[in-house]
Amino acid sequence: MKKNFLFIVIVLIIFCSKTYGQSINIKTKDVSHKDYYTGITYLNEGDTNDNGKAYRILICTSEIYDDLIIETVTIGEEGGNVKIISRRQIDIDSFWNAFHLKGEISGLKFVKWLNANSFILEAQDRKFVFKNIGSVTPRVSVAPR
């Protein structure tokens, strides 16, 4: 009986550490040449960082599937003259698979900015922290509850 209980506890610990303690780098691809503005269902701009740049999160929907885009922009005086420096698309299939999300890639929800370079996203009633979003491989982990 004790051996079975111990085995179950060990399996649960391994499962939880793989699912909830996981932090991975997700690839992105440059999509600066594409126009996503007709498919935007959500756009949010973070604070300007020390370099005068800000990031924008775009959730774009094509038919029923969502794409997650991170734009880097510069902002002129008094919030005018916004220029897009780069536009990178998260490899959403890799994100979905890495965190064992099931079903259609849809229903993404922006939750909040943590700072100028990280934010929380919700997918399938789970929250994920995206850090170092200016990188070509942002770091993603399950958000603490």
N, C-alpha and C. Protein backbone atom coordinates (compact mmCIF):
# COMPACT_ATOMS: atom_id res chain seq x y z
N MET A 1 0.82 -1.19 0.00
CA MET A 1 0.00 0.00 0.00
C MET A 1 0.87 1.26 0.00
N LYS A 2 1.90 1.23 0.87
CA LYS A 2 2.79 2.39 0.94
C LYS A 2 3.55 2.57 -0.37
N LYS A 3 3.92 1.47 -1.02
CA LYS A 3 4.65 1.55 -2.28
C LYS A 3 3.77 2.17 -3.37
N ASN A 4 2.50 1.77 -3.40
CA ASN A 4 1.58 2.35 -4.39
C ASN A 4 1.39 3.85 -4.15
N PHE A 5 1.23 4.21 -2.89
CA PHE A 5 1.05 5.63 -2.56
C PHE A 5 2.29 6.43 -2.94
N LEU A 6 3.46 5.90 -2.61
CA LEU A 6 4.72 6.57 -2.95
C LEU A 6 4.86 6.70 -4.47
N PHE A 7 4.52 5.67 -5.20
CA PHE A 7 4.59 5.71 -6.67
C PHE A 7 3.67 6.80 -7.21
N ILE A 8 2.46 6.88 -6.71
CA ILE A 8 1.50 7.90 -7.17
C ILE A 8 2.01 9.30 -6.86
N VAL A 9 2.58 9.50 -5.69
CA VAL A 9 3.12 10.81 -5.33
C VAL A 9 4.27 11.20 -6.27
N ILE A 10 5.14 10.27 -6.56
CA ILE A 10 6.28 10.56 -7.45
C ILE A 10 5.78 10.91 -8.85
N VAL A 11 4.81 10.15 -9.36
CA VAL A 11 4.26 10.43 -10.68
C VAL A 11 3.61 11.81 -10.70
N LEU A 12 2.88 12.16 -9.66
CA LEU A 12 2.26 13.48 -9.60
C LEU A 12 3.30 14.60 -9.56
N ILE A 13 4.35 14.40 -8.83
CA ILE A 13 5.41 15.41 -8.75
C ILE A 13 6.06 15.60 -10.12
N ILE A 14 6.35 14.51 -10.79
CA ILE A 14 6.95 14.61 -12.13
C ILE A 14 6.00 15.30 -13.09
N PHE A 15 4.73 14.91 -13.07
CA PHE A 15 3.74 15.53 -13.96
C PHE A 15 3.63 17.02 -13.69
N CYS A 16 3.54 17.39 -12.43
CA CYS A 16 3.39 18.81 -12.08
C CYS A 16 4.63 19.61 -12.47
N SER A 17 5.80 19.04 -12.27
CA SER A 17 7.01 19.79 -12.62
C SER A 17 7.14 19.95 -14.13
N LYS A 18 6.71 18.97 -14.90
CA LYS A 18 6.76 19.09 -16.35
C LYS A 18 5.72 20.06 -16.88
N THR A 19 4.54 20.05 -16.29
CA THR A 19 3.48 20.88 -16.80
C THR A 19 3.52 22.28 -16.21
N TYR A 20 3.70 22.39 -14.92
CA TYR A 20 3.57 23.68 -14.25
C TYR A 20 4.90 24.38 -13.99
N GLY A 21 5.98 23.63 -13.91
CA GLY A 21 7.26 24.25 -13.65
C GLY A 21 8.05 24.52 -14.92
N GLN A 22 7.45 24.22 -16.03
CA GLN A 22 8.14 24.31 -17.29
C GLN A 22 8.32 25.76 -17.73
N SER A 23 9.48 26.06 -18.20
CA SER A 23 9.77 27.36 -18.77
C SER A 23 10.59 27.11 -20.04
N ILE A 24 10.07 27.57 -21.16
CA ILE A 24 10.74 27.26 -22.43
C ILE A 24 10.86 28.51 -23.28
N ASN A 25 11.79 28.45 -24.21
CA ASN A 25 11.89 29.50 -25.21
C ASN A 25 11.05 29.09 -26.41
N ILE A 26 10.22 30.02 -26.87
CA ILE A 26 9.36 29.77 -28.02
C ILE A 26 9.92 30.56 -29.21
N LYS A 27 10.05 29.91 -30.32
CA LYS A 27 10.55 30.58 -31.52
C LYS A 27 9.52 31.57 -32.07
N THR A 28 10.05 32.56 -32.75
CA THR A 28 9.20 33.51 -33.46
C THR A 28 9.72 33.61 -34.89
N LYS A 29 8.89 34.14 -35.76
CA LYS A 29 9.38 34.39 -37.12
C LYS A 29 9.03 35.82 -37.50
N ASP A 30 9.91 36.40 -38.29
CA ASP A 30 9.72 37.78 -38.74
C ASP A 30 8.57 37.83 -39.74
N VAL A 31 7.57 38.63 -39.42
CA VAL A 31 6.43 38.81 -40.32
C VAL A 31 6.22 40.31 -40.59
N SER A 32 7.32 41.05 -40.60
CA SER A 32 7.25 42.49 -40.81
C SER A 32 6.63 42.85 -42.15
N HIS A 33 6.77 41.97 -43.12
CA HIS A 33 6.25 42.24 -44.47
C HIS A 33 4.74 41.97 -44.59
N LYS A 34 4.14 41.32 -43.59
CA LYS A 34 2.71 40.99 -43.67
C LYS A 34 1.86 42.06 -43.01
N ASP A 35 0.67 42.25 -43.54
CA ASP A 35 -0.28 43.20 -42.97
C ASP A 35 -1.33 42.42 -42.18
N TYR A 36 -1.25 42.51 -40.86
CA TYR A 36 -2.17 41.79 -40.00
C TYR A 36 -3.35 42.66 -39.54
N TYR A 37 -3.35 43.91 -39.91
CA TYR A 37 -4.31 44.83 -39.32
C TYR A 37 -5.77 44.52 -39.67
N THR A 38 -6.04 43.84 -40.75
CA THR A 38 -7.43 43.50 -41.07
C THR A 38 -7.95 42.37 -40.18
N GLY A 39 -7.04 41.58 -39.60
CA GLY A 39 -7.46 40.45 -38.78
C GLY A 39 -7.30 40.66 -37.29
N ILE A 40 -6.95 41.88 -36.86
CA ILE A 40 -6.72 42.12 -35.44
C ILE A 40 -8.04 42.03 -34.67
N THR A 41 -8.02 41.20 -33.64
CA THR A 41 -9.16 41.15 -32.73
C THR A 41 -8.81 41.80 -31.40
N TYR A 42 -7.49 42.01 -31.16
CA TYR A 42 -7.06 42.67 -29.92
C TYR A 42 -5.68 43.28 -30.13
N LEU A 43 -5.47 44.47 -29.60
CA LEU A 43 -4.16 45.14 -29.65
C LEU A 43 -3.96 45.85 -28.33
N ASN A 44 -2.77 45.69 -27.73
CA ASN A 44 -2.45 46.37 -26.49
C ASN A 44 -0.99 46.78 -26.53
N GLU A 45 -0.72 48.02 -26.15
CA GLU A 45 0.64 48.56 -26.17
C GLU A 45 1.15 48.73 -24.75
N GLY A 46 2.36 48.26 -24.52
CA GLY A 46 2.98 48.38 -23.20
C GLY A 46 3.68 49.71 -23.03
N ASP A 47 4.30 49.88 -21.88
CA ASP A 47 5.04 51.09 -21.58
C ASP A 47 6.30 51.19 -22.43
N THR A 48 6.76 52.39 -22.64
CA THR A 48 8.01 52.62 -23.36
C THR A 48 9.17 52.24 -22.45
N ASN A 49 10.13 51.49 -22.98
CA ASN A 49 11.29 51.10 -22.17
C ASN A 49 12.37 52.19 -22.22
N ASP A 50 13.50 51.92 -21.61
CA ASP A 50 14.58 52.91 -21.53
C ASP A 50 15.17 53.27 -22.89
N ASN A 51 14.99 52.41 -23.88
CA ASN A 51 15.52 52.67 -25.23
C ASN A 51 14.55 53.44 -26.11
N GLY A 52 13.41 53.87 -25.54
CA GLY A 52 12.42 54.59 -26.33
C GLY A 52 11.56 53.69 -27.19
N LYS A 53 11.59 52.39 -26.90
CA LYS A 53 10.79 51.43 -27.65
C LYS A 53 9.65 50.92 -26.77
N ALA A 54 8.61 50.48 -27.42
CA ALA A 54 7.49 49.83 -26.73
C ALA A 54 7.12 48.58 -27.52
N TYR A 55 6.45 47.68 -26.85
CA TYR A 55 5.98 46.47 -27.50
C TYR A 55 4.45 46.51 -27.57
N ARG A 56 3.94 45.96 -28.63
CA ARG A 56 2.49 45.83 -28.78
C ARG A 56 2.16 44.36 -28.99
N ILE A 57 1.12 43.92 -28.33
CA ILE A 57 0.64 42.56 -28.47
C ILE A 57 -0.58 42.60 -29.38
N LEU A 58 -0.55 41.82 -30.44
CA LEU A 58 -1.67 41.72 -31.37
C LEU A 58 -2.18 40.28 -31.35
N ILE A 59 -3.46 40.13 -31.15
CA ILE A 59 -4.09 38.83 -31.33
C ILE A 59 -4.92 38.96 -32.60
N CYS A 60 -4.58 38.15 -33.58
CA CYS A 60 -5.23 38.22 -34.89
C CYS A 60 -5.95 36.90 -35.12
N THR A 61 -7.14 37.01 -35.69
CA THR A 61 -7.93 35.82 -35.94
C THR A 61 -8.16 35.66 -37.43
N SER A 62 -7.85 34.47 -37.92
CA SER A 62 -8.12 34.11 -39.31
C SER A 62 -9.07 32.92 -39.27
N GLU A 63 -10.27 33.14 -39.73
CA GLU A 63 -11.35 32.16 -39.61
C GLU A 63 -11.57 31.88 -38.12
N ILE A 64 -11.10 30.74 -37.60
CA ILE A 64 -11.29 30.48 -36.17
C ILE A 64 -9.98 30.40 -35.40
N TYR A 65 -8.86 30.47 -36.09
CA TYR A 65 -7.56 30.29 -35.44
C TYR A 65 -6.92 31.63 -35.10
N ASP A 66 -6.25 31.66 -33.94
CA ASP A 66 -5.59 32.87 -33.47
C ASP A 66 -4.09 32.84 -33.77
N ASP A 67 -3.55 34.00 -34.04
CA ASP A 67 -2.11 34.21 -34.13
C ASP A 67 -1.75 35.23 -33.06
N LEU A 68 -0.54 35.10 -32.52
CA LEU A 68 -0.03 36.04 -31.53
C LEU A 68 1.17 36.74 -32.13
N ILE A 69 1.08 38.06 -32.25
CA ILE A 69 2.12 38.87 -32.87
C ILE A 69 2.67 39.84 -31.84
N ILE A 70 3.99 40.00 -31.83
CA ILE A 70 4.64 41.00 -30.98
C ILE A 70 5.29 42.02 -31.89
N GLU A 71 4.85 43.26 -31.77
CA GLU A 71 5.44 44.36 -32.54
C GLU A 71 6.35 45.17 -31.63
N THR A 72 7.45 45.62 -32.20
CA THR A 72 8.31 46.58 -31.54
C THR A 72 8.11 47.90 -32.24
N VAL A 73 7.82 48.95 -31.47
CA VAL A 73 7.55 50.26 -32.06
C VAL A 73 8.35 51.33 -31.34
N THR A 74 8.59 52.43 -32.05
CA THR A 74 9.10 53.63 -31.41
C THR A 74 7.98 54.65 -31.44
N ILE A 75 7.97 55.48 -30.42
CA ILE A 75 6.90 56.45 -30.28
C ILE A 75 7.51 57.83 -30.16
N GLY A 76 7.00 58.75 -30.97
CA GLY A 76 7.51 60.12 -30.96
C GLY A 76 6.98 60.92 -29.77
N GLU A 77 7.25 62.19 -29.81
CA GLU A 77 6.82 63.07 -28.73
C GLU A 77 5.31 63.07 -28.59
N GLU A 78 4.86 63.11 -27.37
CA GLU A 78 3.43 63.17 -27.03
C GLU A 78 2.64 62.02 -27.66
N GLY A 79 3.28 60.88 -27.86
CA GLY A 79 2.59 59.69 -28.34
C GLY A 79 2.36 59.63 -29.84
N GLY A 80 2.88 60.58 -30.57
CA GLY A 80 2.67 60.60 -32.02
C GLY A 80 3.81 59.94 -32.77
N ASN A 81 3.68 59.88 -34.08
CA ASN A 81 4.71 59.38 -34.98
C ASN A 81 5.18 57.97 -34.59
N VAL A 82 4.24 57.05 -34.44
CA VAL A 82 4.56 55.67 -34.11
C VAL A 82 5.14 54.98 -35.34
N LYS A 83 6.28 54.32 -35.15
CA LYS A 83 6.92 53.59 -36.24
C LYS A 83 7.13 52.14 -35.81
N ILE A 84 6.73 51.22 -36.68
CA ILE A 84 6.93 49.80 -36.41
C ILE A 84 8.35 49.43 -36.80
N ILE A 85 9.10 48.91 -35.85
CA ILE A 85 10.48 48.49 -36.08
C ILE A 85 10.51 47.02 -36.51
N SER A 86 9.71 46.20 -35.82
CA SER A 86 9.66 44.78 -36.18
C SER A 86 8.29 44.21 -35.80
N ARG A 87 7.99 43.11 -36.45
CA ARG A 87 6.74 42.39 -36.17
C ARG A 87 7.10 40.91 -36.21
N ARG A 88 6.94 40.23 -35.05
CA ARG A 88 7.31 38.83 -34.94
C ARG A 88 6.11 38.00 -34.52
N GLN A 89 5.93 36.87 -35.17
CA GLN A 89 4.82 35.97 -34.88
C GLN A 89 5.32 34.83 -33.99
N ILE A 90 4.62 34.61 -32.88
CA ILE A 90 4.94 33.49 -32.00
C ILE A 90 4.62 32.19 -32.73
N ASP A 91 5.50 31.22 -32.61
CA ASP A 91 5.24 29.89 -33.16
C ASP A 91 4.19 29.24 -32.26
N ILE A 92 2.94 29.52 -32.58
CA ILE A 92 1.82 29.14 -31.72
C ILE A 92 1.67 27.63 -31.62
N ASP A 93 2.03 26.90 -32.67
CA ASP A 93 1.96 25.43 -32.61
C ASP A 93 2.95 24.89 -31.56
N SER A 94 4.16 25.43 -31.53
CA SER A 94 5.15 25.01 -30.54
C SER A 94 4.68 25.34 -29.13
N PHE A 95 4.11 26.53 -28.95
CA PHE A 95 3.58 26.93 -27.65
C PHE A 95 2.46 25.97 -27.22
N TRP A 96 1.55 25.70 -28.13
CA TRP A 96 0.41 24.82 -27.84
C TRP A 96 0.90 23.43 -27.42
N ASN A 97 1.85 22.89 -28.18
CA ASN A 97 2.38 21.55 -27.90
C ASN A 97 3.21 21.50 -26.62
N ALA A 98 4.02 22.50 -26.40
CA ALA A 98 4.91 22.51 -25.23
C ALA A 98 4.13 22.48 -23.92
N PHE A 99 2.97 23.12 -23.91
CA PHE A 99 2.19 23.18 -22.68
C PHE A 99 0.97 22.26 -22.72
N HIS A 100 0.98 21.31 -23.64
CA HIS A 100 -0.04 20.27 -23.74
C HIS A 100 -1.45 20.85 -23.83
N LEU A 101 -1.60 21.93 -24.59
CA LEU A 101 -2.93 22.49 -24.83
C LEU A 101 -3.59 21.67 -25.92
N LYS A 102 -4.86 21.47 -25.80
CA LYS A 102 -5.59 20.61 -26.73
C LYS A 102 -6.59 21.42 -27.54
N GLY A 103 -6.95 20.90 -28.68
CA GLY A 103 -8.00 21.51 -29.48
C GLY A 103 -7.51 22.64 -30.37
N GLU A 104 -8.47 23.43 -30.83
CA GLU A 104 -8.18 24.51 -31.76
C GLU A 104 -7.37 25.62 -31.11
N ILE A 105 -6.53 26.23 -31.90
CA ILE A 105 -5.72 27.35 -31.42
C ILE A 105 -6.58 28.60 -31.54
N SER A 106 -7.35 28.83 -30.50
CA SER A 106 -8.25 29.99 -30.49
C SER A 106 -8.54 30.37 -29.04
N GLY A 107 -9.17 31.52 -28.88
CA GLY A 107 -9.54 31.97 -27.54
C GLY A 107 -8.41 32.58 -26.74
N LEU A 108 -7.36 33.06 -27.41
CA LEU A 108 -6.26 33.71 -26.69
C LEU A 108 -6.77 35.02 -26.08
N LYS A 109 -6.34 35.29 -24.84
CA LYS A 109 -6.75 36.52 -24.16
C LYS A 109 -5.54 37.16 -23.50
N PHE A 110 -5.31 38.42 -23.82
CA PHE A 110 -4.27 39.19 -23.13
C PHE A 110 -4.80 39.50 -21.73
N VAL A 111 -3.96 39.29 -20.70
CA VAL A 111 -4.38 39.54 -19.32
C VAL A 111 -3.83 40.88 -18.83
N LYS A 112 -2.48 41.01 -18.81
CA LYS A 112 -1.88 42.27 -18.35
C LYS A 112 -0.38 42.29 -18.63
N TRP A 113 0.14 43.50 -18.63
CA TRP A 113 1.59 43.71 -18.71
C TRP A 113 2.17 43.52 -17.32
N LEU A 114 3.32 42.84 -17.24
CA LEU A 114 4.05 42.75 -15.97
C LEU A 114 5.09 43.85 -15.89
N ASN A 115 5.69 44.17 -17.02
CA ASN A 115 6.61 45.30 -17.17
C ASN A 115 6.71 45.58 -18.67
N ALA A 116 7.64 46.41 -19.06
CA ALA A 116 7.74 46.80 -20.47
C ALA A 116 8.13 45.64 -21.39
N ASN A 117 8.63 44.54 -20.81
CA ASN A 117 9.16 43.45 -21.62
C ASN A 117 8.52 42.09 -21.31
N SER A 118 7.42 42.07 -20.56
CA SER A 118 6.76 40.80 -20.26
C SER A 118 5.27 41.01 -19.99
N PHE A 119 4.51 39.96 -20.27
CA PHE A 119 3.06 40.04 -20.11
C PHE A 119 2.48 38.67 -19.78
N ILE A 120 1.22 38.66 -19.41
CA ILE A 120 0.50 37.41 -19.14
C ILE A 120 -0.57 37.23 -20.21
N LEU A 121 -0.63 36.01 -20.72
CA LEU A 121 -1.61 35.63 -21.73
C LEU A 121 -2.42 34.45 -21.18
N GLU A 122 -3.71 34.41 -21.49
CA GLU A 122 -4.54 33.29 -21.09
C GLU A 122 -4.91 32.47 -22.31
N ALA A 123 -4.81 31.14 -22.15
CA ALA A 123 -5.21 30.20 -23.20
C ALA A 123 -5.82 28.99 -22.52
N GLN A 124 -7.00 28.64 -22.92
CA GLN A 124 -7.71 27.49 -22.36
C GLN A 124 -7.77 27.53 -20.83
N ASP A 125 -8.14 28.67 -20.30
CA ASP A 125 -8.30 28.88 -18.85
C ASP A 125 -7.01 28.69 -18.06
N ARG A 126 -5.87 28.77 -18.74
CA ARG A 126 -4.56 28.74 -18.07
C ARG A 126 -3.84 30.02 -18.42
N LYS A 127 -3.04 30.52 -17.47
CA LYS A 127 -2.30 31.76 -17.70
C LYS A 127 -0.83 31.46 -17.87
N PHE A 128 -0.22 32.20 -18.83
CA PHE A 128 1.18 32.01 -19.17
C PHE A 128 1.92 33.34 -19.14
N VAL A 129 3.15 33.31 -18.64
CA VAL A 129 3.99 34.50 -18.58
C VAL A 129 4.95 34.45 -19.77
N PHE A 130 4.94 35.52 -20.56
CA PHE A 130 5.87 35.69 -21.67
C PHE A 130 6.89 36.74 -21.23
N LYS A 131 8.16 36.37 -21.20
CA LYS A 131 9.23 37.27 -20.78
C LYS A 131 10.21 37.48 -21.92
N ASN A 132 10.95 38.58 -21.82
CA ASN A 132 11.97 38.89 -22.82
C ASN A 132 11.37 38.88 -24.23
N ILE A 133 10.26 39.59 -24.38
CA ILE A 133 9.50 39.53 -25.64
C ILE A 133 10.19 40.25 -26.80
N GLY A 134 11.24 40.99 -26.52
CA GLY A 134 12.01 41.62 -27.59
C GLY A 134 12.97 40.65 -28.27
N SER A 135 13.13 39.48 -27.68
CA SER A 135 14.02 38.46 -28.22
C SER A 135 13.34 37.67 -29.34
N VAL A 136 14.14 37.01 -30.17
CA VAL A 136 13.56 36.14 -31.20
C VAL A 136 13.04 34.85 -30.58
N THR A 137 13.40 34.58 -29.32
CA THR A 137 12.89 33.41 -28.60
C THR A 137 12.44 33.84 -27.20
N PRO A 138 11.25 34.41 -27.08
CA PRO A 138 10.75 34.79 -25.75
C PRO A 138 10.64 33.57 -24.83
N ARG A 139 10.78 33.81 -23.54
CA ARG A 139 10.69 32.75 -22.53
C ARG A 139 9.25 32.68 -22.04
N VAL A 140 8.67 31.48 -22.03
CA VAL A 140 7.27 31.30 -21.63
C VAL A 140 7.20 30.27 -20.51
N SER A 141 6.39 30.59 -19.50
CA SER A 141 6.15 29.66 -18.40
C SER A 141 4.70 29.79 -17.94
N VAL A 142 4.27 28.80 -17.18
CA VAL A 142 2.94 28.85 -16.61
C VAL A 142 2.96 29.89 -15.51
N ALA A 143 1.98 30.77 -15.49
CA ALA A 143 1.90 31.83 -14.47
C ALA A 143 1.55 31.20 -13.12
N PRO A 144 2.18 31.72 -12.05
CA PRO A 144 1.80 31.22 -10.72
C PRO A 144 0.36 31.58 -10.41
N ARG A 145 -0.28 30.75 -9.65
CA ARG A 145 -1.70 31.00 -9.32
C ARG A 145 -1.86 32.00 -8.24
